[in-house]
Amino acid sequence: MARIMVPEQVFPGFKIINELTDSQLNQLVDYIKNLEIGKLYGDIALDLTELLKVDGDELWRTLISYTGLSYADVSVLSKNLAESYKELSRVGINSKETNKLKANLLQILSNFERVQLTDKVREYKVENSNNLREFKFLTDIRFMPGSSDDDKYGLILHKFYIEYQNSIPRNELHLHVAIQDLVELKIEIEKAIERDKMLRESYSGDIKLI
């Protein structure tokens, strides 16, 4: 009986891991050992695609599925994962292929610390309901229809574009803001930057801040 419930959506990633050449496995291990903690998942998947010439999205989805598993002995974890995948996926891999999968998983999981930390960083980042991804200001001028006097009038408009993420992958919000709103927003942004700077200086040398 399978000791670990391996979900169907990560089967493709197991297949990729099982088919890695020794060179690809070494490249993967080196990559995750030196992974930039807190790097965006999409960027990591792209890196894996370019580095290994495999489906990076499928591979990364499978790798992060391991972060919630807690085993004192990674060799036992590797063995249970490989055998559970074999049983649940019914791919019909033979003993030699199963042993290769165990060995590849062991190599990966023995160098997994930065993957786990990256996953934890993401967990903290998205624990709020809405998370900022991108923003910009669009400024335009609208000329008013002619008036009875000689003066010509124009209206300056600012639009605040925000892209954010929550349970739906991507959302957009467009806000019309007045110049006073921009001034107040600038002040609040400068305060946040200053607080960030103070925290980084306070913990300098004691902890690496992301």
N, C-alpha and C. Protein backbone atom coordinates (compact mmCIF):
# COMPACT_ATOMS: atom_id res chain seq x y z
N MET A 1 0.84 -1.20 0.00
CA MET A 1 0.00 0.00 0.00
C MET A 1 0.88 1.25 0.00
N ALA A 2 0.48 2.25 -0.79
CA ALA A 2 1.24 3.49 -0.88
C ALA A 2 1.34 4.18 0.47
N ARG A 3 2.55 4.54 0.86
CA ARG A 3 2.76 5.21 2.15
C ARG A 3 2.53 6.72 2.05
N ILE A 4 2.64 7.26 0.84
CA ILE A 4 2.46 8.69 0.63
C ILE A 4 1.44 8.88 -0.48
N MET A 5 0.47 9.74 -0.26
CA MET A 5 -0.54 10.01 -1.28
C MET A 5 0.04 10.98 -2.31
N VAL A 6 0.45 10.45 -3.43
CA VAL A 6 1.03 11.26 -4.50
C VAL A 6 -0.10 11.68 -5.44
N PRO A 7 -0.43 12.97 -5.51
CA PRO A 7 -1.54 13.42 -6.36
C PRO A 7 -1.21 13.30 -7.84
N GLU A 8 -2.24 13.08 -8.62
CA GLU A 8 -2.08 12.86 -10.05
C GLU A 8 -1.41 14.02 -10.76
N GLN A 9 -1.65 15.25 -10.29
CA GLN A 9 -1.11 16.41 -10.99
C GLN A 9 0.41 16.50 -10.93
N VAL A 10 1.05 15.74 -10.04
CA VAL A 10 2.52 15.78 -9.99
C VAL A 10 3.16 14.56 -10.65
N PHE A 11 2.36 13.69 -11.22
CA PHE A 11 2.91 12.53 -11.93
C PHE A 11 3.90 12.93 -13.02
N PRO A 12 3.57 13.96 -13.86
CA PRO A 12 4.51 14.33 -14.92
C PRO A 12 5.89 14.74 -14.39
N GLY A 13 5.92 15.40 -13.23
CA GLY A 13 7.19 15.80 -12.65
C GLY A 13 8.01 14.61 -12.17
N PHE A 14 7.33 13.59 -11.64
CA PHE A 14 8.03 12.36 -11.25
C PHE A 14 8.66 11.71 -12.48
N LYS A 15 7.92 11.71 -13.57
CA LYS A 15 8.44 11.10 -14.81
C LYS A 15 9.68 11.84 -15.28
N ILE A 16 9.65 13.17 -15.19
CA ILE A 16 10.82 13.97 -15.57
C ILE A 16 12.02 13.61 -14.70
N ILE A 17 11.80 13.54 -13.37
CA ILE A 17 12.88 13.22 -12.44
C ILE A 17 13.46 11.84 -12.73
N ASN A 18 12.59 10.90 -13.06
CA ASN A 18 13.03 9.54 -13.33
C ASN A 18 13.85 9.45 -14.61
N GLU A 19 13.62 10.37 -15.54
CA GLU A 19 14.29 10.31 -16.84
C GLU A 19 15.48 11.25 -16.95
N LEU A 20 15.82 11.96 -15.87
CA LEU A 20 16.97 12.85 -15.90
C LEU A 20 18.26 12.08 -16.13
N THR A 21 19.11 12.61 -16.99
CA THR A 21 20.44 12.03 -17.15
C THR A 21 21.30 12.42 -15.93
N ASP A 22 22.43 11.79 -15.79
CA ASP A 22 23.33 12.15 -14.68
C ASP A 22 23.73 13.62 -14.76
N SER A 23 23.96 14.10 -15.97
CA SER A 23 24.34 15.50 -16.15
C SER A 23 23.20 16.43 -15.75
N GLN A 24 21.98 16.12 -16.17
CA GLN A 24 20.82 16.94 -15.82
C GLN A 24 20.58 16.92 -14.32
N LEU A 25 20.73 15.75 -13.71
CA LEU A 25 20.54 15.64 -12.26
C LEU A 25 21.54 16.51 -11.52
N ASN A 26 22.79 16.48 -11.94
CA ASN A 26 23.82 17.30 -11.30
C ASN A 26 23.51 18.79 -11.47
N GLN A 27 23.01 19.17 -12.65
CA GLN A 27 22.64 20.57 -12.89
C GLN A 27 21.48 20.98 -12.00
N LEU A 28 20.49 20.10 -11.86
CA LEU A 28 19.34 20.40 -11.02
C LEU A 28 19.75 20.55 -9.56
N VAL A 29 20.56 19.62 -9.07
CA VAL A 29 21.01 19.68 -7.68
C VAL A 29 21.81 20.96 -7.43
N ASP A 30 22.68 21.30 -8.36
CA ASP A 30 23.47 22.52 -8.21
C ASP A 30 22.56 23.75 -8.20
N TYR A 31 21.52 23.73 -9.03
CA TYR A 31 20.58 24.86 -9.09
C TYR A 31 19.84 25.04 -7.77
N ILE A 32 19.27 23.96 -7.23
CA ILE A 32 18.48 24.11 -6.00
C ILE A 32 19.37 24.37 -4.78
N LYS A 33 20.62 23.91 -4.82
CA LYS A 33 21.55 24.20 -3.72
C LYS A 33 21.86 25.68 -3.65
N ASN A 34 21.83 26.34 -4.79
CA ASN A 34 22.17 27.77 -4.85
C ASN A 34 20.96 28.64 -5.20
N LEU A 35 19.77 28.09 -5.02
CA LEU A 35 18.55 28.81 -5.37
C LEU A 35 18.43 30.11 -4.60
N GLU A 36 18.06 31.17 -5.30
CA GLU A 36 17.82 32.47 -4.67
C GLU A 36 16.53 32.38 -3.84
N ILE A 37 16.67 32.46 -2.54
CA ILE A 37 15.51 32.30 -1.65
C ILE A 37 14.52 33.44 -1.89
N GLY A 38 13.27 33.07 -2.13
CA GLY A 38 12.24 34.07 -2.38
C GLY A 38 12.01 34.35 -3.85
N LYS A 39 12.76 33.67 -4.74
CA LYS A 39 12.57 33.90 -6.17
C LYS A 39 11.17 33.47 -6.59
N LEU A 40 10.59 34.20 -7.54
CA LEU A 40 9.24 33.90 -7.99
C LEU A 40 9.18 32.53 -8.65
N TYR A 41 8.08 31.82 -8.39
CA TYR A 41 7.92 30.47 -8.92
C TYR A 41 7.99 30.44 -10.45
N GLY A 42 7.38 31.41 -11.10
CA GLY A 42 7.41 31.45 -12.56
C GLY A 42 8.82 31.57 -13.10
N ASP A 43 9.64 32.36 -12.42
CA ASP A 43 11.03 32.54 -12.85
C ASP A 43 11.84 31.26 -12.62
N ILE A 44 11.56 30.56 -11.53
CA ILE A 44 12.25 29.30 -11.26
C ILE A 44 11.89 28.27 -12.33
N ALA A 45 10.61 28.16 -12.64
CA ALA A 45 10.17 27.21 -13.66
C ALA A 45 10.83 27.50 -15.00
N LEU A 46 10.94 28.80 -15.32
CA LEU A 46 11.59 29.19 -16.57
C LEU A 46 13.07 28.80 -16.55
N ASP A 47 13.72 29.03 -15.42
CA ASP A 47 15.12 28.63 -15.27
C ASP A 47 15.30 27.13 -15.52
N LEU A 48 14.42 26.33 -14.92
CA LEU A 48 14.52 24.88 -15.06
C LEU A 48 14.29 24.43 -16.50
N THR A 49 13.35 25.10 -17.17
CA THR A 49 13.10 24.78 -18.57
C THR A 49 14.35 25.04 -19.41
N GLU A 50 14.96 26.20 -19.21
CA GLU A 50 16.13 26.57 -20.00
C GLU A 50 17.35 25.74 -19.64
N LEU A 51 17.50 25.43 -18.35
CA LEU A 51 18.68 24.70 -17.89
C LEU A 51 18.65 23.23 -18.29
N LEU A 52 17.50 22.60 -18.12
CA LEU A 52 17.41 21.15 -18.28
C LEU A 52 16.72 20.71 -19.57
N LYS A 53 16.12 21.68 -20.29
CA LYS A 53 15.36 21.36 -21.50
C LYS A 53 14.22 20.38 -21.21
N VAL A 54 13.51 20.64 -20.10
CA VAL A 54 12.34 19.85 -19.72
C VAL A 54 11.21 20.82 -19.43
N ASP A 55 10.03 20.29 -19.08
CA ASP A 55 8.92 21.16 -18.69
C ASP A 55 9.17 21.66 -17.27
N GLY A 56 9.66 22.88 -17.15
CA GLY A 56 10.02 23.42 -15.85
C GLY A 56 8.84 23.60 -14.93
N ASP A 57 7.67 23.92 -15.49
CA ASP A 57 6.47 24.08 -14.67
C ASP A 57 6.09 22.77 -13.99
N GLU A 58 6.10 21.68 -14.75
CA GLU A 58 5.75 20.37 -14.20
C GLU A 58 6.78 19.93 -13.16
N LEU A 59 8.04 20.14 -13.46
CA LEU A 59 9.10 19.73 -12.52
C LEU A 59 9.01 20.52 -11.22
N TRP A 60 8.85 21.84 -11.32
CA TRP A 60 8.80 22.67 -10.12
C TRP A 60 7.55 22.37 -9.29
N ARG A 61 6.42 22.12 -9.95
CA ARG A 61 5.19 21.76 -9.24
C ARG A 61 5.41 20.50 -8.41
N THR A 62 6.14 19.56 -8.96
CA THR A 62 6.42 18.32 -8.24
C THR A 62 7.40 18.56 -7.09
N LEU A 63 8.43 19.34 -7.34
CA LEU A 63 9.42 19.59 -6.30
C LEU A 63 8.80 20.27 -5.07
N ILE A 64 7.96 21.28 -5.29
CA ILE A 64 7.39 21.96 -4.13
C ILE A 64 6.34 21.12 -3.42
N SER A 65 5.86 20.06 -4.09
CA SER A 65 4.91 19.18 -3.40
C SER A 65 5.60 18.40 -2.29
N TYR A 66 6.94 18.36 -2.31
CA TYR A 66 7.68 17.63 -1.28
C TYR A 66 7.91 18.47 -0.02
N THR A 67 7.68 19.79 -0.11
CA THR A 67 8.07 20.65 1.01
C THR A 67 7.23 20.42 2.27
N GLY A 68 6.04 19.87 2.11
CA GLY A 68 5.20 19.62 3.28
C GLY A 68 5.44 18.27 3.93
N LEU A 69 6.37 17.48 3.37
CA LEU A 69 6.64 16.15 3.91
C LEU A 69 7.74 16.22 4.94
N SER A 70 7.53 15.61 6.06
CA SER A 70 8.51 15.65 7.15
C SER A 70 9.00 14.25 7.48
N TYR A 71 10.26 13.99 7.16
CA TYR A 71 10.89 12.70 7.44
C TYR A 71 12.26 12.96 8.04
N ALA A 72 12.59 12.22 9.07
CA ALA A 72 13.92 12.36 9.67
C ALA A 72 14.99 11.83 8.73
N ASP A 73 14.64 10.83 7.96
CA ASP A 73 15.60 10.17 7.06
C ASP A 73 15.14 10.38 5.61
N VAL A 74 15.92 11.17 4.84
CA VAL A 74 15.50 11.45 3.46
C VAL A 74 15.60 10.21 2.58
N SER A 75 16.40 9.24 2.96
CA SER A 75 16.47 8.02 2.16
C SER A 75 15.16 7.24 2.26
N VAL A 76 14.55 7.26 3.46
CA VAL A 76 13.24 6.62 3.64
C VAL A 76 12.18 7.39 2.86
N LEU A 77 12.25 8.71 2.90
CA LEU A 77 11.30 9.53 2.17
C LEU A 77 11.42 9.27 0.66
N SER A 78 12.64 9.21 0.16
CA SER A 78 12.86 8.97 -1.26
C SER A 78 12.29 7.61 -1.67
N LYS A 79 12.52 6.61 -0.85
CA LYS A 79 12.03 5.26 -1.12
C LYS A 79 10.50 5.23 -1.14
N ASN A 80 9.89 5.86 -0.14
CA ASN A 80 8.43 5.86 -0.05
C ASN A 80 7.78 6.65 -1.19
N LEU A 81 8.41 7.75 -1.57
CA LEU A 81 7.89 8.55 -2.69
C LEU A 81 7.94 7.76 -3.99
N ALA A 82 9.08 7.14 -4.26
CA ALA A 82 9.25 6.40 -5.50
C ALA A 82 8.27 5.23 -5.58
N GLU A 83 8.15 4.49 -4.51
CA GLU A 83 7.27 3.32 -4.52
C GLU A 83 5.79 3.72 -4.55
N SER A 84 5.45 4.83 -3.88
CA SER A 84 4.07 5.30 -3.90
C SER A 84 3.70 5.81 -5.29
N TYR A 85 4.63 6.53 -5.93
CA TYR A 85 4.39 7.00 -7.30
C TYR A 85 4.19 5.82 -8.24
N LYS A 86 5.04 4.81 -8.12
CA LYS A 86 4.94 3.63 -8.97
C LYS A 86 3.58 2.96 -8.81
N GLU A 87 3.14 2.82 -7.56
CA GLU A 87 1.87 2.15 -7.30
C GLU A 87 0.67 2.98 -7.76
N LEU A 88 0.65 4.26 -7.44
CA LEU A 88 -0.52 5.09 -7.72
C LEU A 88 -0.64 5.49 -9.18
N SER A 89 0.49 5.68 -9.84
CA SER A 89 0.46 6.12 -11.24
C SER A 89 0.26 4.96 -12.21
N ARG A 90 0.62 3.77 -11.75
CA ARG A 90 0.52 2.56 -12.58
C ARG A 90 1.26 2.73 -13.91
N VAL A 91 2.43 3.35 -13.85
CA VAL A 91 3.21 3.56 -15.07
C VAL A 91 3.97 2.31 -15.50
N GLY A 92 4.06 1.34 -14.61
CA GLY A 92 4.71 0.09 -14.96
C GLY A 92 6.21 0.17 -15.08
N ILE A 93 6.86 1.03 -14.27
CA ILE A 93 8.32 1.09 -14.31
C ILE A 93 8.90 -0.14 -13.62
N ASN A 94 10.01 -0.65 -14.14
CA ASN A 94 10.60 -1.86 -13.58
C ASN A 94 11.47 -1.53 -12.38
N SER A 95 12.06 -2.54 -11.79
CA SER A 95 12.85 -2.37 -10.57
C SER A 95 14.04 -1.45 -10.79
N LYS A 96 14.69 -1.58 -11.95
CA LYS A 96 15.85 -0.73 -12.25
C LYS A 96 15.44 0.74 -12.31
N GLU A 97 14.33 1.01 -12.99
CA GLU A 97 13.84 2.38 -13.11
C GLU A 97 13.39 2.93 -11.76
N THR A 98 12.76 2.08 -10.95
CA THR A 98 12.33 2.50 -9.61
C THR A 98 13.53 2.85 -8.75
N ASN A 99 14.58 2.05 -8.83
CA ASN A 99 15.79 2.33 -8.06
C ASN A 99 16.46 3.63 -8.52
N LYS A 100 16.39 3.88 -9.84
CA LYS A 100 16.94 5.14 -10.35
C LYS A 100 16.14 6.32 -9.81
N LEU A 101 14.82 6.19 -9.78
CA LEU A 101 13.97 7.26 -9.25
C LEU A 101 14.29 7.52 -7.78
N LYS A 102 14.47 6.44 -7.01
CA LYS A 102 14.83 6.59 -5.59
C LYS A 102 16.14 7.34 -5.45
N ALA A 103 17.12 6.96 -6.25
CA ALA A 103 18.44 7.60 -6.17
C ALA A 103 18.37 9.07 -6.57
N ASN A 104 17.61 9.36 -7.62
CA ASN A 104 17.47 10.76 -8.06
C ASN A 104 16.77 11.60 -7.00
N LEU A 105 15.71 11.03 -6.41
CA LEU A 105 14.99 11.74 -5.35
C LEU A 105 15.89 11.98 -4.14
N LEU A 106 16.69 11.00 -3.81
CA LEU A 106 17.60 11.14 -2.67
C LEU A 106 18.58 12.28 -2.90
N GLN A 107 19.12 12.37 -4.12
CA GLN A 107 20.04 13.45 -4.44
C GLN A 107 19.36 14.81 -4.32
N ILE A 108 18.15 14.89 -4.80
CA ILE A 108 17.40 16.14 -4.76
C ILE A 108 17.04 16.53 -3.33
N LEU A 109 16.46 15.59 -2.60
CA LEU A 109 15.97 15.88 -1.25
C LEU A 109 17.10 16.11 -0.25
N SER A 110 18.27 15.61 -0.56
CA SER A 110 19.42 15.84 0.32
C SER A 110 19.95 17.26 0.18
N ASN A 111 19.47 17.97 -0.84
CA ASN A 111 19.93 19.35 -1.09
C ASN A 111 18.72 20.28 -1.24
N PHE A 112 17.75 20.09 -0.36
CA PHE A 112 16.42 20.69 -0.53
C PHE A 112 16.16 21.91 0.34
N GLU A 113 17.12 22.32 1.13
CA GLU A 113 16.87 23.37 2.14
C GLU A 113 16.38 24.67 1.51
N ARG A 114 17.01 25.11 0.43
CA ARG A 114 16.63 26.39 -0.16
C ARG A 114 15.27 26.33 -0.86
N VAL A 115 14.90 25.16 -1.35
CA VAL A 115 13.56 25.01 -1.92
C VAL A 115 12.51 25.16 -0.81
N GLN A 116 12.77 24.55 0.33
CA GLN A 116 11.83 24.65 1.46
C GLN A 116 11.72 26.09 1.96
N LEU A 117 12.86 26.78 2.03
CA LEU A 117 12.84 28.17 2.49
C LEU A 117 12.11 29.06 1.49
N THR A 118 12.32 28.82 0.20
CA THR A 118 11.63 29.60 -0.83
C THR A 118 10.13 29.39 -0.75
N ASP A 119 9.71 28.15 -0.51
CA ASP A 119 8.29 27.86 -0.38
C ASP A 119 7.70 28.54 0.85
N LYS A 120 8.48 28.59 1.93
CA LYS A 120 8.01 29.25 3.16
C LYS A 120 7.89 30.76 2.95
N VAL A 121 8.85 31.34 2.22
CA VAL A 121 8.78 32.77 1.91
C VAL A 121 7.50 33.07 1.13
N ARG A 122 7.20 32.23 0.13
CA ARG A 122 6.00 32.44 -0.66
C ARG A 122 4.75 32.32 0.21
N GLU A 123 4.76 31.36 1.12
CA GLU A 123 3.62 31.18 2.02
C GLU A 123 3.36 32.45 2.83
N TYR A 124 4.42 33.05 3.34
CA TYR A 124 4.26 34.28 4.12
C TYR A 124 3.81 35.43 3.22
N LYS A 125 4.34 35.48 2.00
CA LYS A 125 4.01 36.59 1.10
C LYS A 125 2.55 36.58 0.68
N VAL A 126 1.96 35.39 0.52
CA VAL A 126 0.60 35.31 0.01
C VAL A 126 -0.42 35.01 1.10
N GLU A 127 -0.02 35.15 2.38
CA GLU A 127 -0.98 34.85 3.45
C GLU A 127 -2.06 35.93 3.53
N ASN A 128 -1.78 37.12 2.96
CA ASN A 128 -2.82 38.15 2.87
C ASN A 128 -3.69 37.87 1.65
N SER A 129 -4.90 38.40 1.64
CA SER A 129 -5.84 38.08 0.57
C SER A 129 -5.42 38.65 -0.77
N ASN A 130 -4.84 39.85 -0.79
CA ASN A 130 -4.42 40.48 -2.04
C ASN A 130 -2.95 40.84 -1.97
N ASN A 131 -2.20 40.54 -3.03
CA ASN A 131 -0.77 40.78 -3.04
C ASN A 131 -0.37 41.51 -4.32
N LEU A 132 0.31 42.64 -4.14
CA LEU A 132 0.70 43.50 -5.26
C LEU A 132 1.72 42.81 -6.15
N ARG A 133 1.48 42.86 -7.48
CA ARG A 133 2.43 42.31 -8.44
C ARG A 133 3.09 43.41 -9.28
N GLU A 134 2.31 44.38 -9.70
CA GLU A 134 2.85 45.43 -10.55
C GLU A 134 1.97 46.66 -10.43
N PHE A 135 2.57 47.85 -10.60
CA PHE A 135 1.77 49.06 -10.63
C PHE A 135 2.47 50.11 -11.48
N LYS A 136 1.68 51.07 -11.97
CA LYS A 136 2.24 52.20 -12.71
C LYS A 136 1.21 53.31 -12.75
N PHE A 137 1.68 54.51 -13.05
CA PHE A 137 0.80 55.66 -13.19
C PHE A 137 0.72 56.05 -14.66
N LEU A 138 -0.50 56.31 -15.14
CA LEU A 138 -0.72 56.79 -16.50
C LEU A 138 -1.29 58.21 -16.40
N THR A 139 -0.62 59.14 -17.03
CA THR A 139 -1.03 60.55 -16.95
C THR A 139 -1.46 61.05 -18.33
N ASP A 140 -2.57 61.78 -18.35
CA ASP A 140 -3.14 62.25 -19.61
C ASP A 140 -3.69 63.66 -19.40
N ILE A 141 -3.93 64.35 -20.48
CA ILE A 141 -4.54 65.68 -20.38
C ILE A 141 -5.75 65.71 -21.32
N ARG A 142 -6.83 66.23 -20.81
CA ARG A 142 -8.05 66.39 -21.60
C ARG A 142 -8.35 67.88 -21.77
N PHE A 143 -8.50 68.30 -23.00
CA PHE A 143 -8.81 69.70 -23.26
C PHE A 143 -10.32 69.89 -23.23
N MET A 144 -10.75 70.95 -22.54
CA MET A 144 -12.16 71.21 -22.37
C MET A 144 -12.71 71.96 -23.58
N PRO A 145 -13.99 71.76 -23.85
CA PRO A 145 -14.62 72.50 -24.97
C PRO A 145 -14.46 74.01 -24.78
N GLY A 146 -14.43 74.72 -25.87
CA GLY A 146 -14.22 76.16 -25.82
C GLY A 146 -15.26 76.87 -24.96
N SER A 147 -14.81 77.91 -24.26
CA SER A 147 -15.71 78.69 -23.41
C SER A 147 -15.98 80.04 -24.06
N SER A 148 -16.82 80.79 -23.43
CA SER A 148 -17.21 82.09 -24.01
C SER A 148 -16.10 83.12 -23.92
N ASP A 149 -15.15 82.94 -22.98
CA ASP A 149 -14.05 83.91 -22.88
C ASP A 149 -12.85 83.40 -23.67
N ASP A 150 -11.72 84.08 -23.53
CA ASP A 150 -10.53 83.74 -24.32
C ASP A 150 -9.70 82.63 -23.69
N ASP A 151 -10.00 82.24 -22.46
CA ASP A 151 -9.21 81.22 -21.79
C ASP A 151 -9.49 79.83 -22.34
N LYS A 152 -8.45 79.03 -22.42
CA LYS A 152 -8.61 77.63 -22.81
C LYS A 152 -8.31 76.79 -21.57
N TYR A 153 -9.07 75.71 -21.40
CA TYR A 153 -8.94 74.90 -20.19
C TYR A 153 -8.57 73.45 -20.55
N GLY A 154 -7.73 72.93 -19.71
CA GLY A 154 -7.37 71.52 -19.85
C GLY A 154 -7.39 70.86 -18.48
N LEU A 155 -7.66 69.57 -18.47
CA LEU A 155 -7.74 68.82 -17.21
C LEU A 155 -6.69 67.70 -17.23
N ILE A 156 -5.80 67.69 -16.24
CA ILE A 156 -4.79 66.63 -16.13
C ILE A 156 -5.38 65.48 -15.33
N LEU A 157 -5.30 64.29 -15.90
CA LEU A 157 -5.85 63.10 -15.26
C LEU A 157 -4.73 62.10 -14.97
N HIS A 158 -4.80 61.50 -13.82
CA HIS A 158 -3.84 60.45 -13.45
C HIS A 158 -4.62 59.16 -13.20
N LYS A 159 -4.14 58.09 -13.77
CA LYS A 159 -4.75 56.79 -13.52
C LYS A 159 -3.71 55.88 -12.86
N PHE A 160 -4.08 55.29 -11.75
CA PHE A 160 -3.20 54.41 -10.99
C PHE A 160 -3.57 52.97 -11.37
N TYR A 161 -2.64 52.31 -12.07
CA TYR A 161 -2.88 50.94 -12.53
C TYR A 161 -2.22 49.97 -11.54
N ILE A 162 -2.99 49.00 -11.06
CA ILE A 162 -2.48 48.01 -10.11
C ILE A 162 -2.81 46.62 -10.63
N GLU A 163 -1.82 45.75 -10.60
CA GLU A 163 -2.04 44.33 -10.88
C GLU A 163 -1.77 43.58 -9.58
N TYR A 164 -2.72 42.76 -9.15
CA TYR A 164 -2.54 42.06 -7.89
C TYR A 164 -3.01 40.62 -8.01
N GLN A 165 -2.61 39.82 -7.04
CA GLN A 165 -2.91 38.39 -7.07
C GLN A 165 -3.61 37.99 -5.78
N ASN A 166 -4.61 37.14 -5.93
CA ASN A 166 -5.22 36.50 -4.76
C ASN A 166 -5.57 35.08 -5.17
N SER A 167 -6.72 34.59 -4.79
CA SER A 167 -7.09 33.23 -5.16
C SER A 167 -7.28 33.09 -6.68
N ILE A 168 -7.60 34.21 -7.34
CA ILE A 168 -7.65 34.24 -8.80
C ILE A 168 -6.26 34.65 -9.26
N PRO A 169 -5.67 33.97 -10.25
CA PRO A 169 -4.28 34.23 -10.60
C PRO A 169 -3.95 35.69 -10.84
N ARG A 170 -4.80 36.43 -11.55
CA ARG A 170 -4.44 37.80 -11.87
C ARG A 170 -5.67 38.69 -11.87
N ASN A 171 -5.53 39.86 -11.28
CA ASN A 171 -6.61 40.86 -11.26
C ASN A 171 -6.00 42.21 -11.57
N GLU A 172 -6.82 43.08 -12.12
CA GLU A 172 -6.37 44.44 -12.39
C GLU A 172 -7.34 45.43 -11.76
N LEU A 173 -6.79 46.56 -11.33
CA LEU A 173 -7.58 47.62 -10.73
C LEU A 173 -7.08 48.95 -11.28
N HIS A 174 -7.99 49.78 -11.76
CA HIS A 174 -7.63 51.09 -12.29
C HIS A 174 -8.32 52.16 -11.44
N LEU A 175 -7.52 53.03 -10.84
CA LEU A 175 -8.06 54.07 -9.96
C LEU A 175 -7.70 55.44 -10.51
N HIS A 176 -8.68 56.31 -10.62
CA HIS A 176 -8.41 57.69 -10.95
C HIS A 176 -8.03 58.42 -9.67
N VAL A 177 -6.89 59.13 -9.72
CA VAL A 177 -6.39 59.81 -8.52
C VAL A 177 -6.11 61.27 -8.84
N ALA A 178 -6.32 62.12 -7.84
CA ALA A 178 -6.04 63.54 -7.98
C ALA A 178 -4.59 63.81 -7.58
N ILE A 179 -4.10 65.01 -7.91
CA ILE A 179 -2.72 65.35 -7.59
C ILE A 179 -2.45 65.25 -6.09
N GLN A 180 -3.43 65.62 -5.25
CA GLN A 180 -3.25 65.52 -3.81
C GLN A 180 -3.13 64.06 -3.37
N ASP A 181 -3.87 63.18 -4.06
CA ASP A 181 -3.74 61.75 -3.78
C ASP A 181 -2.32 61.28 -4.08
N LEU A 182 -1.75 61.77 -5.19
CA LEU A 182 -0.39 61.38 -5.56
C LEU A 182 0.62 61.88 -4.53
N VAL A 183 0.42 63.11 -4.06
CA VAL A 183 1.33 63.67 -3.04
C VAL A 183 1.28 62.83 -1.77
N GLU A 184 0.06 62.48 -1.33
CA GLU A 184 -0.09 61.69 -0.11
C GLU A 184 0.46 60.27 -0.30
N LEU A 185 0.24 59.71 -1.49
CA LEU A 185 0.77 58.38 -1.79
C LEU A 185 2.29 58.40 -1.78
N LYS A 186 2.89 59.46 -2.34
CA LYS A 186 4.34 59.61 -2.34
C LYS A 186 4.88 59.65 -0.92
N ILE A 187 4.20 60.38 -0.06
CA ILE A 187 4.63 60.48 1.34
C ILE A 187 4.57 59.11 2.01
N GLU A 188 3.48 58.38 1.78
CA GLU A 188 3.32 57.06 2.40
C GLU A 188 4.36 56.06 1.86
N ILE A 189 4.65 56.16 0.56
CA ILE A 189 5.67 55.29 -0.02
C ILE A 189 7.03 55.59 0.59
N GLU A 190 7.35 56.88 0.74
CA GLU A 190 8.64 57.26 1.33
C GLU A 190 8.74 56.79 2.78
N LYS A 191 7.62 56.83 3.51
CA LYS A 191 7.62 56.34 4.89
C LYS A 191 7.88 54.83 4.92
N ALA A 192 7.24 54.09 4.00
CA ALA A 192 7.43 52.64 3.95
C ALA A 192 8.87 52.29 3.59
N ILE A 193 9.45 53.05 2.64
CA ILE A 193 10.85 52.82 2.27
C ILE A 193 11.77 53.09 3.45
N GLU A 194 11.47 54.14 4.21
CA GLU A 194 12.30 54.48 5.37
C GLU A 194 12.19 53.39 6.45
N ARG A 195 10.96 52.88 6.67
CA ARG A 195 10.79 51.80 7.66
C ARG A 195 11.54 50.55 7.23
N ASP A 196 11.50 50.25 5.93
CA ASP A 196 12.23 49.10 5.40
C ASP A 196 13.73 49.27 5.62
N LYS A 197 14.23 50.49 5.34
CA LYS A 197 15.65 50.80 5.52
C LYS A 197 16.07 50.64 6.98
N MET A 198 15.24 51.15 7.89
CA MET A 198 15.55 51.07 9.32
C MET A 198 15.60 49.62 9.79
N LEU A 199 14.66 48.81 9.33
CA LEU A 199 14.65 47.39 9.71
C LEU A 199 15.89 46.68 9.19
N ARG A 200 16.27 46.98 7.95
CA ARG A 200 17.44 46.33 7.37
C ARG A 200 18.71 46.73 8.10
N GLU A 201 18.79 47.99 8.51
CA GLU A 201 19.95 48.45 9.26
C GLU A 201 19.98 47.85 10.67
N SER A 202 18.79 47.70 11.27
CA SER A 202 18.71 47.16 12.63
C SER A 202 19.16 45.71 12.68
N TYR A 203 18.84 44.95 11.63
CA TYR A 203 19.17 43.52 11.62
C TYR A 203 20.42 43.21 10.80
N SER A 204 21.13 44.25 10.36
CA SER A 204 22.31 44.06 9.53
C SER A 204 23.34 43.19 10.26
N GLY A 205 23.76 42.14 9.61
CA GLY A 205 24.77 41.24 10.19
C GLY A 205 24.18 40.12 11.02
N ASP A 206 22.95 40.27 11.49
CA ASP A 206 22.33 39.26 12.33
C ASP A 206 21.47 38.28 11.53
N ILE A 207 20.82 38.80 10.48
CA ILE A 207 19.89 37.97 9.71
C ILE A 207 19.84 38.50 8.28
N LYS A 208 19.70 37.59 7.32
CA LYS A 208 19.59 37.99 5.93
C LYS A 208 18.12 38.29 5.63
N LEU A 209 17.87 39.53 5.26
CA LEU A 209 16.50 39.93 4.97
C LEU A 209 16.24 39.83 3.47
N ILE A 210 15.09 39.31 3.10
CA ILE A 210 14.72 39.13 1.69
C ILE A 210 13.85 40.30 1.25
